[in-house]
Amino acid sequence: MAIPWLLALKVIPWADVIEATPALVKGARKLFKRSQDEAAEIAEQPSPPPQSLPEALERLQKMETELGGLSRQQAESAALLQSLAEQNARLVEAVEMLRLRSRLLLYGFAGLAALAAALLAWALLR
């Protein structure tokens, strides 16, 4: 069961993932800022002249409701993307740290194995 995970971890180009993470976070922040700016611009755009007063009021209320919902949804989506990008950055950092630790452990165990083999050879030759 562990072999597919190890194979998957070896296949992933971690250097590329780590290199792309800051750009991903920066892009998510730009998207969040742009969505906030666009929401402000939409609120400032003029509407076409009404045909009659009751019709205009009904149309206005409907448009305001829809616009509020869309703006809220867009802001929530952008905030979610920013959060996911930041979490991804933290995850990549943690995986990189684990990769370095596992390499250190591998070298440590290889050194201990070499030392044990040298001690065993020394004991047998004595």
C-alpha atoms as a PDB file:
ATOM      1  CA  MET A   1       0.000   0.000   0.000  1.00  0.00           C
ATOM      2  CA  ALA A   2       2.889   2.367   0.716  1.00  0.00           C
ATOM      3  CA  ILE A   3       4.577   1.776  -2.641  1.00  0.00           C
ATOM      4  CA  PRO A   4       2.053   3.777  -4.750  1.00  0.00           C
ATOM      5  CA  TRP A   5       2.371   6.731  -2.359  1.00  0.00           C
ATOM      6  CA  LEU A   6       6.146   6.618  -2.515  1.00  0.00           C
ATOM      7  CA  LEU A   7       6.019   6.354  -6.282  1.00  0.00           C
ATOM      8  CA  ALA A   8       3.604   9.291  -6.460  1.00  0.00           C
ATOM      9  CA  LEU A   9       5.849  11.391  -4.218  1.00  0.00           C
ATOM     10  CA  LYS A  10       8.848  10.615  -6.400  1.00  0.00           C
ATOM     11  CA  VAL A  11       7.010  11.455  -9.629  1.00  0.00           C
ATOM     12  CA  ILE A  12       5.846  14.907  -8.460  1.00  0.00           C
ATOM     13  CA  PRO A  13       8.299  17.623  -9.537  1.00  0.00           C
ATOM     14  CA  TRP A  14       8.607  19.215  -6.078  1.00  0.00           C
ATOM     15  CA  ALA A  15      11.024  21.870  -7.239  1.00  0.00           C
ATOM     16  CA  ASP A  16       8.441  23.096  -9.778  1.00  0.00           C
ATOM     17  CA  VAL A  17       5.648  22.992  -7.204  1.00  0.00           C
ATOM     18  CA  ILE A  18       7.695  24.950  -4.682  1.00  0.00           C
ATOM     19  CA  GLU A  19       8.760  27.430  -7.342  1.00  0.00           C
ATOM     20  CA  ALA A  20       5.152  28.021  -8.495  1.00  0.00           C
ATOM     21  CA  THR A  21       3.638  28.452  -5.020  1.00  0.00           C
ATOM     22  CA  PRO A  22       4.478  32.155  -4.515  1.00  0.00           C
ATOM     23  CA  ALA A  23       3.021  32.969  -7.931  1.00  0.00           C
ATOM     24  CA  LEU A  24      -0.153  31.082  -6.994  1.00  0.00           C
ATOM     25  CA  VAL A  25      -0.551  33.029  -3.760  1.00  0.00           C
ATOM     26  CA  LYS A  26       0.128  36.307  -5.576  1.00  0.00           C
ATOM     27  CA  GLY A  27      -2.430  35.437  -8.267  1.00  0.00           C
ATOM     28  CA  ALA A  28      -5.079  34.582  -5.686  1.00  0.00           C
ATOM     29  CA  ARG A  29      -4.494  37.886  -3.909  1.00  0.00           C
ATOM     30  CA  LYS A  30      -4.805  39.754  -7.228  1.00  0.00           C
ATOM     31  CA  LEU A  31      -8.053  37.898  -7.978  1.00  0.00           C
ATOM     32  CA  PHE A  32      -9.446  38.800  -4.565  1.00  0.00           C
ATOM     33  CA  LYS A  33      -8.499  42.479  -4.972  1.00  0.00           C
ATOM     34  CA  ARG A  34      -9.863  42.600  -8.523  1.00  0.00           C
ATOM     35  CA  SER A  35     -13.173  41.064  -7.448  1.00  0.00           C
ATOM     36  CA  GLN A  36     -13.501  43.707  -4.744  1.00  0.00           C
ATOM     37  CA  ASP A  37     -12.716  46.482  -7.245  1.00  0.00           C
ATOM     38  CA  GLU A  38     -15.178  45.091  -9.829  1.00  0.00           C
ATOM     39  CA  ALA A  39     -17.911  44.879  -7.204  1.00  0.00           C
ATOM     40  CA  ALA A  40     -17.376  48.569  -6.425  1.00  0.00           C
ATOM     41  CA  GLU A  41     -17.445  49.464 -10.154  1.00  0.00           C
ATOM     42  CA  ILE A  42     -20.685  47.553 -10.752  1.00  0.00           C
ATOM     43  CA  ALA A  43     -22.332  49.401  -7.909  1.00  0.00           C
ATOM     44  CA  GLU A  44     -21.442  52.726  -9.564  1.00  0.00           C
ATOM     45  CA  GLN A  45     -22.758  51.933 -13.093  1.00  0.00           C
ATOM     46  CA  PRO A  46     -25.953  53.806 -14.128  1.00  0.00           C
ATOM     47  CA  SER A  47     -29.115  51.857 -14.999  1.00  0.00           C
ATOM     48  CA  PRO A  48     -31.338  52.461 -18.089  1.00  0.00           C
ATOM     49  CA  PRO A  49     -34.308  54.811 -17.675  1.00  0.00           C
ATOM     50  CA  PRO A  50     -37.491  53.166 -16.290  1.00  0.00           C
ATOM     51  CA  GLN A  51     -40.687  52.702 -18.331  1.00  0.00           C
ATOM     52  CA  SER A  52     -43.099  53.257 -15.456  1.00  0.00           C
ATOM     53  CA  LEU A  53     -42.607  53.840 -11.754  1.00  0.00           C
ATOM     54  CA  PRO A  54     -43.963  50.510 -10.363  1.00  0.00           C
ATOM     55  CA  GLU A  55     -42.160  48.564 -13.064  1.00  0.00           C
ATOM     56  CA  ALA A  56     -38.958  50.462 -12.395  1.00  0.00           C
ATOM     57  CA  LEU A  57     -39.167  49.820  -8.644  1.00  0.00           C
ATOM     58  CA  GLU A  58     -39.787  46.129  -9.117  1.00  0.00           C
ATOM     59  CA  ARG A  59     -36.974  45.864 -11.635  1.00  0.00           C
ATOM     60  CA  LEU A  60     -34.635  47.800  -9.379  1.00  0.00           C
ATOM     61  CA  GLN A  61     -35.341  45.624  -6.364  1.00  0.00           C
ATOM     62  CA  LYS A  62     -34.818  42.469  -8.391  1.00  0.00           C
ATOM     63  CA  MET A  63     -31.542  43.732  -9.853  1.00  0.00           C
ATOM     64  CA  GLU A  64     -30.248  44.866  -6.471  1.00  0.00           C
ATOM     65  CA  THR A  65     -31.016  41.479  -4.968  1.00  0.00           C
ATOM     66  CA  GLU A  66     -29.299  39.637  -7.808  1.00  0.00           C
ATOM     67  CA  LEU A  67     -26.322  41.961  -7.803  1.00  0.00           C
ATOM     68  CA  GLY A  68     -25.895  41.692  -4.064  1.00  0.00           C
ATOM     69  CA  GLY A  69     -25.979  37.919  -4.280  1.00  0.00           C
ATOM     70  CA  LEU A  70     -23.502  37.810  -7.151  1.00  0.00           C
ATOM     71  CA  SER A  71     -21.134  40.259  -5.497  1.00  0.00           C
ATOM     72  CA  ARG A  72     -21.249  38.323  -2.242  1.00  0.00           C
ATOM     73  CA  GLN A  73     -20.689  35.048  -4.054  1.00  0.00           C
ATOM     74  CA  GLN A  74     -17.758  36.448  -6.028  1.00  0.00           C
ATOM     75  CA  ALA A  75     -16.146  37.894  -2.911  1.00  0.00           C
ATOM     76  CA  GLU A  76     -16.580  34.589  -1.062  1.00  0.00           C
ATOM     77  CA  SER A  77     -15.089  32.685  -3.999  1.00  0.00           C
ATOM     78  CA  ALA A  78     -12.104  34.998  -4.198  1.00  0.00           C
ATOM     79  CA  ALA A  79     -11.551  34.755  -0.438  1.00  0.00           C
ATOM     80  CA  LEU A  80     -11.758  30.981  -0.681  1.00  0.00           C
ATOM     81  CA  LEU A  81      -9.227  30.915  -3.506  1.00  0.00           C
ATOM     82  CA  GLN A  82      -6.878  33.094  -1.503  1.00  0.00           C
ATOM     83  CA  SER A  83      -7.265  30.850   1.523  1.00  0.00           C
ATOM     84  CA  LEU A  84      -6.657  27.721  -0.545  1.00  0.00           C
ATOM     85  CA  ALA A  85      -3.576  29.248  -2.143  1.00  0.00           C
ATOM     86  CA  GLU A  86      -2.149  30.154   1.261  1.00  0.00           C
ATOM     87  CA  GLN A  87      -2.929  26.689   2.614  1.00  0.00           C
ATOM     88  CA  ASN A  88      -1.275  25.175  -0.442  1.00  0.00           C
ATOM     89  CA  ALA A  89       1.820  27.271   0.213  1.00  0.00           C
ATOM     90  CA  ARG A  90       1.958  26.053   3.813  1.00  0.00           C
ATOM     91  CA  LEU A  91       1.403  22.460   2.672  1.00  0.00           C
ATOM     92  CA  VAL A  92       4.223  22.673   0.144  1.00  0.00           C
ATOM     93  CA  GLU A  93       6.536  24.075   2.813  1.00  0.00           C
ATOM     94  CA  ALA A  94       5.605  21.241   5.175  1.00  0.00           C
ATOM     95  CA  VAL A  95       6.121  18.586   2.498  1.00  0.00           C
ATOM     96  CA  GLU A  96       9.500  20.080   1.616  1.00  0.00           C
ATOM     97  CA  MET A  97      10.498  19.998   5.285  1.00  0.00           C
ATOM     98  CA  LEU A  98       9.374  16.361   5.550  1.00  0.00           C
ATOM     99  CA  ARG A  99      11.326  15.515   2.405  1.00  0.00           C
ATOM    100  CA  LEU A 100      14.472  17.059   3.862  1.00  0.00           C
ATOM    101  CA  ARG A 101      13.954  15.284   7.199  1.00  0.00           C
ATOM    102  CA  SER A 102      13.438  11.920   5.516  1.00  0.00           C
ATOM    103  CA  ARG A 103      16.627  12.437   3.498  1.00  0.00           C
ATOM    104  CA  LEU A 104      18.490  13.310   6.711  1.00  0.00           C
ATOM    105  CA  LEU A 105      17.129  10.186   8.393  1.00  0.00           C
ATOM    106  CA  LEU A 106      18.146   8.078   5.388  1.00  0.00           C
ATOM    107  CA  TYR A 107      21.709   9.409   5.548  1.00  0.00           C
ATOM    108  CA  GLY A 108      21.771   8.919   9.312  1.00  0.00           C
ATOM    109  CA  PHE A 109      20.619   5.323   9.095  1.00  0.00           C
ATOM    110  CA  ALA A 110      23.064   4.649   6.258  1.00  0.00           C
ATOM    111  CA  GLY A 111      25.849   6.027   8.438  1.00  0.00           C
ATOM    112  CA  LEU A 112      24.760   3.897  11.375  1.00  0.00           C
ATOM    113  CA  ALA A 113      24.592   0.822   9.145  1.00  0.00           C
ATOM    114  CA  ALA A 114      28.099   1.525   7.851  1.00  0.00           C
ATOM    115  CA  LEU A 115      29.348   1.990  11.403  1.00  0.00           C
ATOM    116  CA  ALA A 116      27.681  -1.250  12.514  1.00  0.00           C
ATOM    117  CA  ALA A 117      29.191  -3.095   9.553  1.00  0.00           C
ATOM    118  CA  ALA A 118      32.648  -1.674  10.348  1.00  0.00           C
ATOM    119  CA  LEU A 119      32.315  -2.669  14.009  1.00  0.00           C
ATOM    120  CA  LEU A 120      31.174  -6.162  13.052  1.00  0.00           C
ATOM    121  CA  ALA A 121      34.074  -6.537  10.623  1.00  0.00           C
ATOM    122  CA  TRP A 122      36.487  -5.295  13.274  1.00  0.00           C
ATOM    123  CA  ALA A 123      35.091  -7.736  15.828  1.00  0.00           C
ATOM    124  CA  LEU A 124      35.328 -10.660  13.417  1.00  0.00           C
ATOM    125  CA  LEU A 125      38.905  -9.831  12.404  1.00  0.00           C
ATOM    126  CA  ARG A 126      40.135  -9.549  15.971  1.00  0.00           C
END
